[in-house]
Amino acid sequence: MDELIDAAREIQADAHVPYSEYRVGAALETEDGEVFVGCNLENANYSNSLHAEEVAIAEAVKNGHREFSRLAVSSDRRDGVTPCGMCRQTLAEFCDGDLVVLCDEGDDAVTEYTLEELLPNTITQETLE
């Protein structure tokens, strides 16, 4: 199995999910090979919950990274979860459309997308100008 998928699976243990009981882990790889992980953190007010992908990218950006090559996303159900629309837009702020997104289907099955496939015609800084 891909080490990035393994990292996304491992971080799920740290998820705080008392409401949905749906653990998600994300592992974001920088262009220079460093990996940052995140897990979902739920809040009783659902709109204040943090998604795994957001936590991973925040950690990477906080540490000075702005170029990324791959993202792996995995849930404890191994259901091929993809980043939600909000996370896709957050990723688009920092990643090119060719970012590889690996979605864990369980066992050795992984579905691969690009960010552009998941979020075509995204809102960018250029769009706003």
Protein backbone atom coordinates (compact mmCIF):
# COMPACT_ATOMS: atom_id res chain seq x y z
CA MET A 1 0.00 0.00 0.00
CA ASP A 2 1.13 3.56 -0.64
CA GLU A 3 2.84 5.19 2.37
CA LEU A 4 0.66 8.27 1.97
CA ILE A 5 -2.50 6.15 2.30
CA ASP A 6 -0.96 4.47 5.34
CA ALA A 7 -0.34 7.87 6.94
CA ALA A 8 -3.95 8.92 6.28
CA ARG A 9 -5.19 5.68 7.87
CA GLU A 10 -2.97 6.01 10.93
CA ILE A 11 -3.99 9.58 11.81
CA GLN A 12 -7.67 8.54 11.95
CA ALA A 13 -7.03 7.24 15.46
CA ASP A 14 -6.64 10.87 16.60
CA ALA A 15 -9.97 12.03 15.14
CA HIS A 16 -12.54 13.60 17.48
CA VAL A 17 -15.86 12.32 16.13
CA PRO A 18 -18.40 11.94 18.96
CA TYR A 19 -21.33 12.90 16.71
CA SER A 20 -20.82 11.21 13.35
CA GLU A 21 -18.45 8.45 14.47
CA TYR A 22 -16.94 8.82 10.97
CA ARG A 23 -13.16 9.04 11.20
CA VAL A 24 -11.29 10.67 8.34
CA GLY A 25 -7.57 11.06 7.89
CA ALA A 26 -5.64 13.02 5.30
CA ALA A 27 -1.97 13.04 4.39
CA LEU A 28 -0.60 15.85 2.23
CA GLU A 29 2.77 15.47 0.53
CA THR A 30 4.84 18.53 -0.32
CA GLU A 31 6.86 18.80 -3.52
CA ASP A 32 10.00 18.05 -1.50
CA GLY A 33 8.50 14.88 0.01
CA GLU A 34 7.53 16.03 3.49
CA VAL A 35 4.17 14.73 4.71
CA PHE A 36 1.64 16.57 6.88
CA VAL A 37 -1.37 14.75 8.32
CA GLY A 38 -4.73 15.80 9.64
CA CYS A 39 -7.88 14.20 11.04
CA ASN A 40 -11.42 15.46 11.42
CA LEU A 41 -12.31 17.30 14.62
CA GLU A 42 -16.04 17.59 15.23
CA ASN A 43 -17.81 20.20 17.28
CA ALA A 44 -21.36 20.14 18.64
CA ASN A 45 -21.96 23.11 16.33
CA TYR A 46 -21.23 21.22 13.11
CA SER A 47 -20.22 24.33 11.18
CA ASN A 48 -17.22 24.73 13.52
CA SER A 49 -15.91 21.23 12.77
CA LEU A 50 -12.56 20.88 11.03
CA HIS A 51 -12.05 18.46 8.17
CA ALA A 52 -8.97 16.27 7.91
CA GLU A 53 -7.80 17.90 4.68
CA GLU A 54 -8.08 21.39 6.21
CA VAL A 55 -6.04 20.34 9.24
CA ALA A 56 -3.31 18.81 7.05
CA ILE A 57 -3.00 21.80 4.74
CA ALA A 58 -3.06 24.26 7.64
CA GLU A 59 -0.18 22.42 9.27
CA ALA A 60 1.81 22.38 6.02
CA VAL A 61 1.21 26.07 5.28
CA LYS A 62 1.99 26.98 8.90
CA ASN A 63 5.36 25.29 8.37
CA GLY A 64 6.12 27.32 5.26
CA HIS A 65 5.06 24.96 2.48
CA ARG A 66 3.21 26.19 -0.60
CA GLU A 67 3.88 23.46 -3.19
CA PHE A 68 2.20 20.08 -2.98
CA SER A 69 2.22 16.93 -5.08
CA ARG A 70 -0.25 14.46 -3.57
CA LEU A 71 -3.05 14.14 -1.04
CA ALA A 72 -4.37 10.87 0.38
CA VAL A 73 -7.80 10.72 2.03
CA SER A 74 -9.12 7.75 3.98
CA SER A 75 -12.08 7.05 6.21
CA ASP A 76 -12.41 4.29 8.77
CA ARG A 77 -15.06 2.78 6.49
CA ARG A 78 -12.70 2.60 3.50
CA ASP A 79 -15.49 3.93 1.30
CA GLY A 80 -13.45 5.95 -1.18
CA VAL A 81 -14.23 9.25 0.53
CA THR A 82 -13.23 12.31 -1.49
CA PRO A 83 -12.62 15.82 -0.17
CA CYS A 84 -15.85 17.79 0.22
CA GLY A 85 -16.48 20.93 -1.81
CA MET A 86 -15.21 23.23 0.93
CA CYS A 87 -11.97 21.25 1.24
CA ARG A 88 -11.57 21.16 -2.54
CA GLN A 89 -11.76 24.96 -2.62
CA THR A 90 -9.26 25.24 0.25
CA LEU A 91 -6.89 22.90 -1.59
CA ALA A 92 -7.30 24.98 -4.76
CA GLU A 93 -6.05 28.03 -2.86
CA PHE A 94 -2.68 26.35 -2.32
CA CYS A 95 -2.46 23.56 -4.93
CA ASP A 96 -2.43 23.38 -8.70
CA GLY A 97 -5.12 21.49 -10.59
CA ASP A 98 -2.71 18.62 -11.18
CA LEU A 99 -2.52 17.77 -7.46
CA VAL A 100 -3.01 14.00 -7.24
CA VAL A 101 -5.81 13.02 -4.84
CA LEU A 102 -5.75 9.40 -3.68
CA CYS A 103 -9.01 8.07 -2.22
CA ASP A 104 -8.85 4.92 -0.11
CA GLU A 105 -11.28 2.19 -1.21
CA GLY A 106 -9.91 -0.41 1.23
CA ASP A 107 -7.49 -3.31 0.90
CA ASP A 108 -5.17 -2.22 -1.91
CA ALA A 109 -7.82 -0.33 -3.91
CA VAL A 110 -7.23 3.39 -4.40
CA THR A 111 -9.07 5.70 -6.76
CA GLU A 112 -6.91 8.51 -8.14
CA TYR A 113 -8.16 11.92 -9.25
CA THR A 114 -6.61 15.27 -9.91
CA LEU A 115 -7.86 18.30 -8.03
CA GLU A 116 -9.03 19.75 -11.34
CA GLU A 117 -11.17 16.66 -11.97
CA LEU A 118 -12.76 17.08 -8.54
CA LEU A 119 -13.17 20.84 -8.83
CA PRO A 120 -13.34 22.09 -12.42
CA ASN A 121 -13.62 25.84 -13.04
CA THR A 122 -12.59 26.65 -9.49
CA ILE A 123 -12.67 30.10 -7.95
CA THR A 124 -9.13 31.45 -7.93
CA GLN A 125 -7.43 34.79 -7.31
CA GLU A 126 -7.49 35.34 -11.07
CA THR A 127 -11.25 34.72 -11.14
CA LEU A 128 -11.79 37.46 -8.57
CA GLU A 129 -9.68 40.07 -10.38
